[in-house]
Amino acid sequence: MGILSNVNKSFSSCFYAWRSSCSALMLRVKDMKKMIKRFGKLITASFIIMGVGIVTFPLVIPMYGLFGIDTDWFSVFIFLAGAITCIVGLIRRKSLNRIVLITLLVLVSIMCMPILFGVVSMICYFITGKELGW
């Protein structure tokens, strides 16, 4: 009888923990829907992408020390992609006058240049085995 009651107590505590985590997840879903309604899908996605870039940047020291992987450029590229997505979301969401629109498009094109150079450099490295640079 004692073992069965312990199993029942552990099952009920697991069930209550699962139920509370589900309710917390539902609150997060409601908050996310509210954020998407307020900012739009592209801007919300850009916040998440930029957050991933910010989180991966401090991982440079352990990743380079343990595995020899340098993640700082990848995190900068991820953050730039999020910033570009945010600006594109602003362009699509707001009705902007011509000068602001041209300024934002020039800013996006300038911000895309390092990403393009990084992709070309990575392709050349995978093909030739030598780093592209001077």
Protein backbone atom coordinates (compact mmCIF):
# COMPACT_ATOMS: atom_id res chain seq x y z
CA MET A 1 0.00 0.00 0.00
CA GLY A 2 2.86 2.40 0.80
CA ILE A 3 4.59 1.89 -2.56
CA LEU A 4 1.35 2.39 -4.47
CA SER A 5 0.55 5.60 -2.63
CA ASN A 6 4.07 6.92 -3.34
CA VAL A 7 3.62 6.17 -7.04
CA ASN A 8 0.25 7.90 -6.99
CA LYS A 9 1.73 10.95 -5.25
CA SER A 10 4.62 11.15 -7.70
CA PHE A 11 2.22 10.78 -10.64
CA SER A 12 -0.04 13.50 -9.32
CA SER A 13 2.89 15.84 -8.68
CA CYS A 14 4.15 15.22 -12.23
CA PHE A 15 0.66 15.89 -13.57
CA TYR A 16 0.37 19.17 -11.67
CA ALA A 17 3.83 20.24 -12.83
CA TRP A 18 2.89 19.40 -16.42
CA ARG A 19 -0.40 21.30 -16.11
CA SER A 20 1.31 24.37 -14.69
CA SER A 21 3.95 24.30 -17.44
CA CYS A 22 1.18 24.02 -20.05
CA SER A 23 -0.60 27.03 -18.57
CA ALA A 24 2.69 28.96 -18.61
CA LEU A 25 3.13 27.96 -22.25
CA MET A 26 -0.36 29.18 -23.05
CA LEU A 27 0.48 32.53 -21.45
CA ARG A 28 3.60 32.73 -23.61
CA VAL A 29 1.55 31.94 -26.71
CA LYS A 30 -0.91 34.71 -25.81
CA ASP A 31 1.97 37.15 -25.28
CA MET A 32 3.51 36.14 -28.60
CA LYS A 33 0.21 36.63 -30.43
CA LYS A 34 -0.13 40.05 -28.81
CA MET A 35 3.41 40.94 -29.91
CA ILE A 36 2.76 39.76 -33.48
CA LYS A 37 -0.46 41.78 -33.58
CA ARG A 38 1.36 44.87 -32.34
CA PHE A 39 4.58 44.70 -34.40
CA GLY A 40 3.87 42.32 -37.27
CA LYS A 41 5.37 38.97 -38.23
CA LEU A 42 8.59 40.23 -39.84
CA ILE A 43 9.56 42.54 -37.01
CA THR A 44 8.79 39.87 -34.39
CA ALA A 45 10.87 37.34 -36.35
CA SER A 46 13.69 39.88 -36.58
CA PHE A 47 13.67 40.33 -32.80
CA ILE A 48 14.04 36.57 -32.39
CA ILE A 49 16.83 36.38 -35.00
CA MET A 50 18.72 39.26 -33.40
CA GLY A 51 18.30 37.59 -30.01
CA VAL A 52 19.89 34.42 -31.37
CA GLY A 53 22.79 36.50 -32.70
CA ILE A 54 23.26 38.20 -29.33
CA VAL A 55 23.13 34.86 -27.48
CA THR A 56 25.68 33.18 -29.78
CA PHE A 57 28.21 36.00 -29.46
CA PRO A 58 29.28 35.23 -25.84
CA LEU A 59 29.70 31.58 -26.83
CA VAL A 60 32.93 32.48 -28.67
CA ILE A 61 35.22 31.71 -25.73
CA PRO A 62 33.90 28.22 -24.83
CA MET A 63 33.35 27.15 -28.45
CA TYR A 64 36.82 28.27 -29.53
CA GLY A 65 38.48 26.86 -26.42
CA LEU A 66 36.81 23.45 -26.54
CA PHE A 67 36.20 22.82 -30.23
CA GLY A 68 38.24 25.40 -32.13
CA ILE A 69 35.12 26.96 -33.67
CA ASP A 70 35.14 30.73 -34.03
CA THR A 71 31.52 31.89 -33.73
CA ASP A 72 31.88 35.66 -33.56
CA TRP A 73 31.46 36.22 -37.30
CA PHE A 74 28.47 33.91 -37.44
CA SER A 75 26.79 35.78 -34.59
CA VAL A 76 27.47 39.13 -36.27
CA PHE A 77 25.98 37.81 -39.53
CA ILE A 78 22.94 36.46 -37.67
CA PHE A 79 22.44 39.79 -35.91
CA LEU A 80 22.81 41.68 -39.21
CA ALA A 81 20.25 39.39 -40.85
CA GLY A 82 17.84 40.17 -38.01
CA ALA A 83 18.45 43.90 -38.35
CA ILE A 84 17.89 43.73 -42.11
CA THR A 85 14.66 41.79 -41.54
CA CYS A 86 13.55 44.43 -39.04
CA ILE A 87 14.15 47.25 -41.52
CA VAL A 88 12.32 45.35 -44.27
CA GLY A 89 9.42 44.83 -41.85
CA LEU A 90 9.37 48.56 -41.12
CA ILE A 91 9.35 49.33 -44.83
CA ARG A 92 6.45 46.96 -45.45
CA ARG A 93 4.44 48.01 -42.39
CA LYS A 94 4.69 51.80 -42.51
CA SER A 95 3.83 54.12 -45.36
CA LEU A 96 7.03 56.13 -45.68
CA ASN A 97 7.81 59.15 -47.77
CA ARG A 98 10.25 58.81 -50.64
CA ILE A 99 13.41 60.12 -48.92
CA VAL A 100 13.04 57.89 -45.85
CA LEU A 101 12.29 54.87 -48.05
CA ILE A 102 15.38 55.47 -50.20
CA THR A 103 17.51 55.97 -47.07
CA LEU A 104 16.30 52.71 -45.56
CA LEU A 105 16.87 50.82 -48.82
CA VAL A 106 20.44 52.18 -49.05
CA LEU A 107 20.99 51.17 -45.41
CA VAL A 108 19.74 47.64 -46.10
CA SER A 109 21.96 47.30 -49.17
CA ILE A 110 25.02 48.48 -47.22
CA MET A 111 24.21 46.09 -44.38
CA CYS A 112 23.92 43.17 -46.84
CA MET A 113 27.48 43.63 -48.15
CA PRO A 114 29.30 41.95 -45.21
CA ILE A 115 26.89 39.03 -45.36
CA LEU A 116 27.54 38.64 -49.08
CA PHE A 117 31.29 38.79 -48.53
CA GLY A 118 31.01 36.21 -45.75
CA VAL A 119 29.04 33.81 -47.92
CA VAL A 120 31.50 34.17 -50.82
CA SER A 121 34.44 33.72 -48.45
CA MET A 122 32.90 30.59 -46.94
CA ILE A 123 32.21 29.08 -50.37
CA CYS A 124 35.81 29.77 -51.47
CA TYR A 125 37.10 28.22 -48.23
CA PHE A 126 35.03 25.06 -48.73
CA ILE A 127 36.16 24.71 -52.36
CA THR A 128 39.85 25.57 -52.09
CA GLY A 129 40.61 24.96 -48.41
CA LYS A 130 42.32 28.35 -48.14
CA GLU A 131 40.90 31.43 -46.51
CA LEU A 132 39.94 34.31 -48.77
CA GLY A 133 41.77 37.41 -47.67
CA TRP A 134 45.00 39.33 -47.92
